[in-house]
Amino acid sequence: MNLLAIDTSTEQLCLALIAQDKVFTHEELGGAAASAALFPAIEALLQKAQIKIHQIEYMAFGKGPGAFTGLRTACSVTQGIAAGLGCGVFPLDSLMVVAQDALNQYSNPYITVAVVMDARMGELYAGIYRHQDGLWNCLQEPALWQPEPLQNNYLAQSNAAMVWAGTGLHLLNPHVLAPFKCYEQAASRAQALAQCAKYAYHHQQPVDAAQALPLYLRDKVALTTAERQSANSQPC
């Protein structure tokens, strides 16, 4: 099985290639530079694994939630390669990649992870995931939250065994998080991406390239000039 996975849903550009039972990964700063860096990074990873692009049998990509431009980049590149090769696609929950990385750091196969990612504009992308008996179960679907309502909702579902992970933890009350194990930084997002892609291969059905679509949770991705001016004119 040769599977190439792409994730640009965060400020990192992450690639994972599973080729002939070996895993090859790549991580670099993405963001606005992701679209320009993506194809050279894919080519370098293929060379490292000593395979050609036409040998790819499956594609996977971080479908979101995440950065609007990043999701479009990963999706469009995945669709283009998959359509050209005629291979199936696994759309991956980007928050589950964070949960998988937390699992890797926690080193316990029984774990419930509250994933909280910085969505900018003072908001959070969040979801709750449980790993048990080798299987992932999404307890609360990814959604866009304000920090305080998220805290109240997630704490009502928490227990002593829950861990918190993601780049949005700094937006939450540190006193609320104090009793819990927290992982704000990923150990290796690319490695977690590879594991999620492999998990999808074994537990999900691939979709056609045309059906591989991003998950957008925010309709409004930026303020207009008038809205920014109005906000700046408000008294502090």
C-alpha atoms as a PDB file:
ATOM      1  CA  MET A   1       0.000   0.000   0.000  1.00  0.00           C
ATOM      2  CA  ASN A   2       1.423   3.374  -1.069  1.00  0.00           C
ATOM      3  CA  LEU A   3      -0.458   6.288   0.514  1.00  0.00           C
ATOM      4  CA  LEU A   4       0.410   9.987   0.446  1.00  0.00           C
ATOM      5  CA  ALA A   5      -1.160  12.274   3.082  1.00  0.00           C
ATOM      6  CA  ILE A   6      -1.143  16.089   3.013  1.00  0.00           C
ATOM      7  CA  ASP A   7      -2.044  18.516   5.797  1.00  0.00           C
ATOM      8  CA  THR A   8      -1.856  22.306   5.611  1.00  0.00           C
ATOM      9  CA  SER A   9      -4.725  23.075   7.989  1.00  0.00           C
ATOM     10  CA  THR A  10      -2.369  24.761  10.487  1.00  0.00           C
ATOM     11  CA  GLU A  11       0.759  26.928  10.211  1.00  0.00           C
ATOM     12  CA  GLN A  12       2.709  23.741   9.491  1.00  0.00           C
ATOM     13  CA  LEU A  13       3.000  21.965   6.163  1.00  0.00           C
ATOM     14  CA  CYS A  14       2.938  18.251   6.968  1.00  0.00           C
ATOM     15  CA  LEU A  15       3.369  15.285   4.652  1.00  0.00           C
ATOM     16  CA  ALA A  16       3.301  11.593   5.362  1.00  0.00           C
ATOM     17  CA  LEU A  17       4.080   8.837   2.887  1.00  0.00           C
ATOM     18  CA  ILE A  18       3.391   5.201   3.694  1.00  0.00           C
ATOM     19  CA  ALA A  19       5.301   3.169   1.132  1.00  0.00           C
ATOM     20  CA  GLN A  20       6.055  -0.539   1.235  1.00  0.00           C
ATOM     21  CA  ASP A  21       5.350  -0.747   4.980  1.00  0.00           C
ATOM     22  CA  LYS A  22       7.667   2.161   5.758  1.00  0.00           C
ATOM     23  CA  VAL A  23       6.657   5.644   6.915  1.00  0.00           C
ATOM     24  CA  PHE A  24       8.313   8.811   5.620  1.00  0.00           C
ATOM     25  CA  THR A  25       7.367  12.225   6.993  1.00  0.00           C
ATOM     26  CA  HIS A  26       8.107  15.864   6.300  1.00  0.00           C
ATOM     27  CA  GLU A  27       7.325  19.021   8.283  1.00  0.00           C
ATOM     28  CA  GLU A  28       8.108  22.658   7.597  1.00  0.00           C
ATOM     29  CA  LEU A  29       6.600  26.088   8.153  1.00  0.00           C
ATOM     30  CA  GLY A  30       3.542  26.432   5.954  1.00  0.00           C
ATOM     31  CA  GLY A  31       0.949  29.171   6.249  1.00  0.00           C
ATOM     32  CA  ALA A  32       0.978  31.510   3.263  1.00  0.00           C
ATOM     33  CA  ALA A  33       4.015  29.703   1.819  1.00  0.00           C
ATOM     34  CA  ALA A  34       2.371  26.268   1.818  1.00  0.00           C
ATOM     35  CA  SER A  35       1.121  26.330  -1.770  1.00  0.00           C
ATOM     36  CA  ALA A  36       4.574  27.195  -3.141  1.00  0.00           C
ATOM     37  CA  ALA A  37       6.412  24.701  -0.929  1.00  0.00           C
ATOM     38  CA  LEU A  38       4.004  21.779  -1.282  1.00  0.00           C
ATOM     39  CA  PHE A  39       5.026  20.258  -4.629  1.00  0.00           C
ATOM     40  CA  PRO A  40       8.794  20.433  -4.000  1.00  0.00           C
ATOM     41  CA  ALA A  41       8.212  18.831  -0.583  1.00  0.00           C
ATOM     42  CA  ILE A  42       6.136  16.024  -2.127  1.00  0.00           C
ATOM     43  CA  GLU A  43       8.814  15.382  -4.738  1.00  0.00           C
ATOM     44  CA  ALA A  44      11.532  15.266  -2.072  1.00  0.00           C
ATOM     45  CA  LEU A  45       9.524  12.815   0.012  1.00  0.00           C
ATOM     46  CA  LEU A  46       8.907  10.549  -2.987  1.00  0.00           C
ATOM     47  CA  GLN A  47      12.627  10.561  -3.744  1.00  0.00           C
ATOM     48  CA  LYS A  48      13.393   9.707  -0.126  1.00  0.00           C
ATOM     49  CA  ALA A  49      11.047   6.718  -0.335  1.00  0.00           C
ATOM     50  CA  GLN A  50      12.412   5.824  -3.776  1.00  0.00           C
ATOM     51  CA  ILE A  51       9.017   5.650  -5.464  1.00  0.00           C
ATOM     52  CA  LYS A  52       7.381   7.583  -8.298  1.00  0.00           C
ATOM     53  CA  ILE A  53       4.160   9.580  -8.115  1.00  0.00           C
ATOM     54  CA  HIS A  54       2.346   7.097 -10.365  1.00  0.00           C
ATOM     55  CA  GLN A  55       2.912   4.394  -7.739  1.00  0.00           C
ATOM     56  CA  ILE A  56       0.680   6.204  -5.229  1.00  0.00           C
ATOM     57  CA  GLU A  57      -2.449   4.090  -4.643  1.00  0.00           C
ATOM     58  CA  TYR A  58      -4.316   6.303  -2.158  1.00  0.00           C
ATOM     59  CA  MET A  59      -4.341   9.937  -1.084  1.00  0.00           C
ATOM     60  CA  ALA A  60      -5.351  11.459   2.255  1.00  0.00           C
ATOM     61  CA  PHE A  61      -5.636  15.069   3.377  1.00  0.00           C
ATOM     62  CA  GLY A  62      -6.504  17.107   6.447  1.00  0.00           C
ATOM     63  CA  LYS A  63     -10.024  18.227   5.568  1.00  0.00           C
ATOM     64  CA  GLY A  64     -10.388  20.589   8.518  1.00  0.00           C
ATOM     65  CA  PRO A  65     -11.389  22.371  10.498  1.00  0.00           C
ATOM     66  CA  GLY A  66      -8.496  24.742  10.048  1.00  0.00           C
ATOM     67  CA  ALA A  67      -7.116  27.694   8.140  1.00  0.00           C
ATOM     68  CA  PHE A  68      -9.314  28.517   5.139  1.00  0.00           C
ATOM     69  CA  THR A  69      -6.492  28.871   2.585  1.00  0.00           C
ATOM     70  CA  GLY A  70      -4.653  25.866   3.999  1.00  0.00           C
ATOM     71  CA  LEU A  71      -7.698  23.633   3.656  1.00  0.00           C
ATOM     72  CA  ARG A  72      -8.205  24.726   0.058  1.00  0.00           C
ATOM     73  CA  THR A  73      -4.542  24.087  -0.725  1.00  0.00           C
ATOM     74  CA  ALA A  74      -4.448  20.548   0.658  1.00  0.00           C
ATOM     75  CA  CYS A  75      -7.810  19.668  -0.870  1.00  0.00           C
ATOM     76  CA  SER A  76      -7.090  20.989  -4.355  1.00  0.00           C
ATOM     77  CA  VAL A  77      -3.662  19.345  -4.567  1.00  0.00           C
ATOM     78  CA  THR A  78      -5.081  16.057  -3.294  1.00  0.00           C
ATOM     79  CA  GLN A  79      -7.965  16.203  -5.758  1.00  0.00           C
ATOM     80  CA  GLY A  80      -5.608  16.957  -8.635  1.00  0.00           C
ATOM     81  CA  ILE A  81      -3.215  14.109  -7.883  1.00  0.00           C
ATOM     82  CA  ALA A  82      -5.979  11.633  -7.075  1.00  0.00           C
ATOM     83  CA  ALA A  83      -7.970  12.469 -10.209  1.00  0.00           C
ATOM     84  CA  GLY A  84      -4.863  12.128 -12.359  1.00  0.00           C
ATOM     85  CA  LEU A  85      -3.933   8.781 -10.846  1.00  0.00           C
ATOM     86  CA  GLY A  86      -7.492   7.503 -10.478  1.00  0.00           C
ATOM     87  CA  CYS A  87      -6.957   6.666  -6.809  1.00  0.00           C
ATOM     88  CA  GLY A  88      -9.268   6.931  -3.806  1.00  0.00           C
ATOM     89  CA  VAL A  89      -9.050   9.647  -1.157  1.00  0.00           C
ATOM     90  CA  PHE A  90      -9.373   9.578   2.630  1.00  0.00           C
ATOM     91  CA  PRO A  91     -10.503  12.971   4.044  1.00  0.00           C
ATOM     92  CA  LEU A  92      -9.042  13.161   7.566  1.00  0.00           C
ATOM     93  CA  ASP A  93     -10.419  15.020  10.572  1.00  0.00           C
ATOM     94  CA  SER A  94      -7.680  17.578  11.297  1.00  0.00           C
ATOM     95  CA  LEU A  95      -8.581  17.675  14.986  1.00  0.00           C
ATOM     96  CA  MET A  96      -8.160  13.907  15.254  1.00  0.00           C
ATOM     97  CA  VAL A  97      -4.570  14.378  14.082  1.00  0.00           C
ATOM     98  CA  VAL A  98      -4.070  16.525  17.200  1.00  0.00           C
ATOM     99  CA  ALA A  99      -5.736  13.851  19.330  1.00  0.00           C
ATOM    100  CA  GLN A 100      -3.441  11.203  17.836  1.00  0.00           C
ATOM    101  CA  ASP A 101      -0.380  13.291  18.656  1.00  0.00           C
ATOM    102  CA  ALA A 102      -1.630  13.673  22.240  1.00  0.00           C
ATOM    103  CA  LEU A 103      -2.066   9.894  22.397  1.00  0.00           C
ATOM    104  CA  ASN A 104       1.537   9.469  21.253  1.00  0.00           C
ATOM    105  CA  GLN A 105       2.768  11.809  23.981  1.00  0.00           C
ATOM    106  CA  TYR A 106       0.519  10.393  26.694  1.00  0.00           C
ATOM    107  CA  SER A 107       1.607   6.799  25.976  1.00  0.00           C
ATOM    108  CA  ASN A 108      -1.663   5.308  27.199  1.00  0.00           C
ATOM    109  CA  PRO A 109      -3.990   3.468  24.769  1.00  0.00           C
ATOM    110  CA  TYR A 110      -7.063   4.526  26.784  1.00  0.00           C
ATOM    111  CA  ILE A 111      -7.443   8.258  26.463  1.00  0.00           C
ATOM    112  CA  THR A 112     -10.083  10.957  26.017  1.00  0.00           C
ATOM    113  CA  VAL A 113      -8.754  14.100  24.339  1.00  0.00           C
ATOM    114  CA  ALA A 114     -10.372  17.529  24.280  1.00  0.00           C
ATOM    115  CA  VAL A 115      -8.823  19.119  21.188  1.00  0.00           C
ATOM    116  CA  VAL A 116      -8.814  22.918  21.213  1.00  0.00           C
ATOM    117  CA  MET A 117      -7.224  24.695  18.240  1.00  0.00           C
ATOM    118  CA  ASP A 118      -6.770  28.448  17.838  1.00  0.00           C
ATOM    119  CA  ALA A 119      -9.182  29.548  15.095  1.00  0.00           C
ATOM    120  CA  ARG A 120      -8.064  33.204  15.272  1.00  0.00           C
ATOM    121  CA  MET A 121     -10.487  36.094  15.885  1.00  0.00           C
ATOM    122  CA  GLY A 122     -10.720  34.947  19.532  1.00  0.00           C
ATOM    123  CA  GLU A 123     -12.437  31.669  18.591  1.00  0.00           C
ATOM    124  CA  LEU A 124     -11.619  27.982  18.784  1.00  0.00           C
ATOM    125  CA  TYR A 125     -12.037  24.858  16.690  1.00  0.00           C
ATOM    126  CA  ALA A 126     -12.706  22.021  19.103  1.00  0.00           C
ATOM    127  CA  GLY A 127     -13.844  18.418  19.396  1.00  0.00           C
ATOM    128  CA  ILE A 128     -13.625  15.518  21.866  1.00  0.00           C
ATOM    129  CA  TYR A 129     -12.145  12.132  20.932  1.00  0.00           C
ATOM    130  CA  ARG A 130     -11.760   8.841  22.770  1.00  0.00           C
ATOM    131  CA  HIS A 131      -9.231   6.136  21.971  1.00  0.00           C
ATOM    132  CA  GLN A 132      -9.981   2.659  23.302  1.00  0.00           C
ATOM    133  CA  ASP A 133      -9.122  -0.859  22.116  1.00  0.00           C
ATOM    134  CA  GLY A 134      -7.274   0.560  19.137  1.00  0.00           C
ATOM    135  CA  LEU A 135     -10.289   2.528  17.888  1.00  0.00           C
ATOM    136  CA  TRP A 136     -11.039   6.241  17.751  1.00  0.00           C
ATOM    137  CA  ASN A 137     -14.515   7.471  18.616  1.00  0.00           C
ATOM    138  CA  CYS A 138     -15.578  11.098  18.182  1.00  0.00           C
ATOM    139  CA  LEU A 139     -17.591  12.036  21.275  1.00  0.00           C
ATOM    140  CA  GLN A 140     -18.240  15.620  20.186  1.00  0.00           C
ATOM    141  CA  GLU A 141     -18.026  16.672  16.553  1.00  0.00           C
ATOM    142  CA  PRO A 142     -15.726  19.519  15.518  1.00  0.00           C
ATOM    143  CA  ALA A 143     -17.344  22.923  16.025  1.00  0.00           C
ATOM    144  CA  LEU A 144     -16.475  26.601  16.247  1.00  0.00           C
ATOM    145  CA  TRP A 145     -16.602  27.941  19.803  1.00  0.00           C
ATOM    146  CA  GLN A 146     -16.109  31.035  21.911  1.00  0.00           C
ATOM    147  CA  PRO A 147     -13.688  30.219  24.776  1.00  0.00           C
ATOM    148  CA  GLU A 148     -16.053  30.582  27.760  1.00  0.00           C
ATOM    149  CA  PRO A 149     -18.962  28.490  26.388  1.00  0.00           C
ATOM    150  CA  LEU A 150     -16.474  25.830  25.313  1.00  0.00           C
ATOM    151  CA  GLN A 151     -14.977  25.659  28.800  1.00  0.00           C
ATOM    152  CA  ASN A 152     -18.374  25.229  30.407  1.00  0.00           C
ATOM    153  CA  ASN A 153     -19.525  22.617  27.891  1.00  0.00           C
ATOM    154  CA  TYR A 154     -16.345  20.543  27.886  1.00  0.00           C
ATOM    155  CA  LEU A 155     -15.855  20.639  31.658  1.00  0.00           C
ATOM    156  CA  ALA A 156     -19.356  19.217  32.063  1.00  0.00           C
ATOM    157  CA  GLN A 157     -18.161  16.188  30.065  1.00  0.00           C
ATOM    158  CA  SER A 158     -14.711  15.910  31.624  1.00  0.00           C
ATOM    159  CA  ASN A 159     -13.240  13.460  34.064  1.00  0.00           C
ATOM    160  CA  ALA A 160      -9.850  13.072  35.705  1.00  0.00           C
ATOM    161  CA  ALA A 161      -8.575  10.977  32.801  1.00  0.00           C
ATOM    162  CA  MET A 162      -9.274  13.606  30.122  1.00  0.00           C
ATOM    163  CA  VAL A 163      -6.317  15.376  28.539  1.00  0.00           C
ATOM    164  CA  TRP A 164      -6.395  18.661  26.630  1.00  0.00           C
ATOM    165  CA  ALA A 165      -4.408  19.340  23.487  1.00  0.00           C
ATOM    166  CA  GLY A 166      -3.971  21.987  20.837  1.00  0.00           C
ATOM    167  CA  THR A 167      -2.804  25.482  20.003  1.00  0.00           C
ATOM    168  CA  GLY A 168      -5.887  27.122  21.518  1.00  0.00           C
ATOM    169  CA  LEU A 169      -5.245  26.225  25.148  1.00  0.00           C
ATOM    170  CA  HIS A 170      -3.826  29.696  25.831  1.00  0.00           C
ATOM    171  CA  LEU A 171      -7.314  31.142  25.236  1.00  0.00           C
ATOM    172  CA  LEU A 172      -8.786  29.147  28.109  1.00  0.00           C
ATOM    173  CA  ASN A 173      -8.611  29.861  31.837  1.00  0.00           C
ATOM    174  CA  PRO A 174      -5.348  28.293  33.125  1.00  0.00           C
ATOM    175  CA  HIS A 175      -6.930  27.660  36.525  1.00  0.00           C
ATOM    176  CA  VAL A 176      -9.629  25.586  34.845  1.00  0.00           C
ATOM    177  CA  LEU A 177      -7.009  23.533  33.000  1.00  0.00           C
ATOM    178  CA  ALA A 178      -4.713  23.124  36.021  1.00  0.00           C
ATOM    179  CA  PRO A 179      -6.020  19.660  37.088  1.00  0.00           C
ATOM    180  CA  PHE A 180      -5.595  18.216  33.583  1.00  0.00           C
ATOM    181  CA  LYS A 181      -2.688  16.973  31.514  1.00  0.00           C
ATOM    182  CA  CYS A 182      -2.221  19.433  28.640  1.00  0.00           C
ATOM    183  CA  TYR A 183      -0.308  19.217  25.370  1.00  0.00           C
ATOM    184  CA  GLU A 184      -0.197  22.614  23.698  1.00  0.00           C
ATOM    185  CA  GLN A 185       2.610  21.698  21.305  1.00  0.00           C
ATOM    186  CA  ALA A 186       2.620  18.710  18.970  1.00  0.00           C
ATOM    187  CA  ALA A 187       5.468  16.212  19.243  1.00  0.00           C
ATOM    188  CA  SER A 188       5.216  15.379  15.523  1.00  0.00           C
ATOM    189  CA  ARG A 189       2.119  16.363  13.594  1.00  0.00           C
ATOM    190  CA  ALA A 190       3.437  14.603  10.479  1.00  0.00           C
ATOM    191  CA  GLN A 191       3.844  11.318  12.360  1.00  0.00           C
ATOM    192  CA  ALA A 192       0.320  11.659  13.759  1.00  0.00           C
ATOM    193  CA  LEU A 193      -0.910  12.418  10.225  1.00  0.00           C
ATOM    194  CA  ALA A 194       0.647   9.164   9.006  1.00  0.00           C
ATOM    195  CA  GLN A 195      -1.049   7.219  11.798  1.00  0.00           C
ATOM    196  CA  CYS A 196      -4.447   8.792  11.068  1.00  0.00           C
ATOM    197  CA  ALA A 197      -4.060   8.043   7.349  1.00  0.00           C
ATOM    198  CA  LYS A 198      -3.199   4.437   8.102  1.00  0.00           C
ATOM    199  CA  TYR A 199      -6.143   4.233  10.504  1.00  0.00           C
ATOM    200  CA  ALA A 200      -8.472   5.571   7.793  1.00  0.00           C
ATOM    201  CA  TYR A 201      -7.135   3.005   5.331  1.00  0.00           C
ATOM    202  CA  HIS A 202      -8.068   0.174   7.703  1.00  0.00           C
ATOM    203  CA  HIS A 203     -11.380   1.547   9.023  1.00  0.00           C
ATOM    204  CA  GLN A 204     -12.922   3.785   6.355  1.00  0.00           C
ATOM    205  CA  GLN A 205     -13.901   3.649   2.708  1.00  0.00           C
ATOM    206  CA  PRO A 206     -12.050   5.992   0.341  1.00  0.00           C
ATOM    207  CA  VAL A 207     -14.055   8.518  -1.647  1.00  0.00           C
ATOM    208  CA  ASP A 208     -13.711   9.687  -5.220  1.00  0.00           C
ATOM    209  CA  ALA A 209     -11.494  12.732  -5.752  1.00  0.00           C
ATOM    210  CA  ALA A 210     -14.520  14.889  -6.637  1.00  0.00           C
ATOM    211  CA  GLN A 211     -16.126  14.036  -3.266  1.00  0.00           C
ATOM    212  CA  ALA A 212     -13.032  14.923  -1.227  1.00  0.00           C
ATOM    213  CA  LEU A 213     -14.104  18.292   0.167  1.00  0.00           C
ATOM    214  CA  PRO A 214     -12.855  20.569   2.973  1.00  0.00           C
ATOM    215  CA  LEU A 215     -14.757  21.044   6.225  1.00  0.00           C
ATOM    216  CA  TYR A 216     -15.442  24.742   6.768  1.00  0.00           C
ATOM    217  CA  LEU A 217     -16.881  25.729  10.145  1.00  0.00           C
ATOM    218  CA  ARG A 218     -16.663  29.477   9.703  1.00  0.00           C
ATOM    219  CA  ASP A 219     -18.552  31.360   7.015  1.00  0.00           C
ATOM    220  CA  LYS A 220     -16.760  34.619   7.791  1.00  0.00           C
ATOM    221  CA  VAL A 221     -12.973  34.398   7.642  1.00  0.00           C
ATOM    222  CA  ALA A 222     -12.059  38.103   7.908  1.00  0.00           C
ATOM    223  CA  LEU A 223     -13.443  41.479   8.895  1.00  0.00           C
ATOM    224  CA  THR A 224     -14.222  44.103   6.272  1.00  0.00           C
ATOM    225  CA  THR A 225     -12.323  47.415   6.336  1.00  0.00           C
ATOM    226  CA  ALA A 226     -15.408  49.143   7.754  1.00  0.00           C
ATOM    227  CA  GLU A 227     -15.775  46.496  10.485  1.00  0.00           C
ATOM    228  CA  ARG A 228     -12.112  46.834  11.470  1.00  0.00           C
ATOM    229  CA  GLN A 229     -12.392  50.619  11.605  1.00  0.00           C
ATOM    230  CA  SER A 230     -15.560  50.371  13.705  1.00  0.00           C
ATOM    231  CA  ALA A 231     -13.885  47.942  16.121  1.00  0.00           C
ATOM    232  CA  ASN A 232     -10.842  50.197  16.457  1.00  0.00           C
ATOM    233  CA  SER A 233     -13.035  53.204  17.236  1.00  0.00           C
ATOM    234  CA  GLN A 234     -14.755  51.488  20.162  1.00  0.00           C
ATOM    235  CA  PRO A 235     -13.576  52.538  23.647  1.00  0.00           C
ATOM    236  CA  CYS A 236     -11.390  50.024  25.408  1.00  0.00           C
END
